[in-house]
Amino acid sequence: MVGQTAVDESVDGFSRTAELLAELAPVALVLVVGIVAGYLVRRILVRTGRSTGVDDFVEGTTFERVADSFGTSTVGIVATTVEWFIYISAVLFAFEFLDFDPFDQTILLRITNYAPNVVAAFFVLVFGAILGDKAAVVVSERLESVKVSEIGVLPSVVRYSVIFVALLMALSQLGVSTFALYILLAAYLFGAVAVGLVALRFVLPSAVSGLYIISTHQYGVGDRITVGDVEGVVQEVDLLTTRVDDGEREHVVPNSEVFEKGVSKET
């Protein structure tokens, strides 16, 4: 009888071990697949980002400089975020197989349903920050090409407009109410209009004066002129300012001031 009992206990032990292994097998498979998938996806994203010129596109942007300060890159941050999202998803799936709930079931369900929205919102913000920087650079270069580089506020307005739109899209991914989004949009539009009006108040007189000076050829590069207390040779005439070199330093005279004080040109 004693021998039979020992045999029965051994059989029961092997059975429980087999059942445990059967339960753990899918869990181990999920974790292994998650680890391999996260690693491969990260490698693919990094390689794809570099081959498609994403590194060159984001070079010089604020986000890329921040990423570089942490010893990584924009592509690296995006790839790592996706990688860890896959890892965490695999762990949550493993919990489901084990019927193990480290959190309250309702909380775990909310985390599972909400995590993709958080990741999507993060990517929207990253893309918005990069696109805002690139748009500001394009606008700044365009202004310089038409000789209105002095409107330095415009590239900033463009940058933050793009970022603000991205922020609204990210908030919508997180389920923020539409009413709150409209309030934010209205406040931003009010601020943008106010900044635009203030900038226009100082820029418009010089711009109108510059158009008149350029179109009527009042003076040009190389002419010696006098505007108020400034006397010298014209170095450049653009839409907003006239640059005059008096031999010691270069003066930047707003075109509105040219009209207010008058200009005399030596012939």
Foldseek 3Di string as FASTA:
>chain_A
DVVVVVVVVVVVVVVVVVVVCVLCVVLVVLQVVLLVVLVVQLVVQLVVCVVVCVQVLQPPFPQQVVQVVVVHGPSNVLSNVSSVVSNVVSVLVSCVSVVHDPDPPVVSVCCVVQVVLQSVLVVLLSVLRSVLRSQLVVVLVVCVVQPNNVLVVVSVLSSVVSNLVSNLVSVVSNVDDPVVSVVVVVVSVVVSVVVVVVSCVVQVLLQVLLVVCVVVVPDAAQWWKDQPPDTAGWHHRHRFWTWGDNPPDIDTHGSSSCVVRPMDTDD
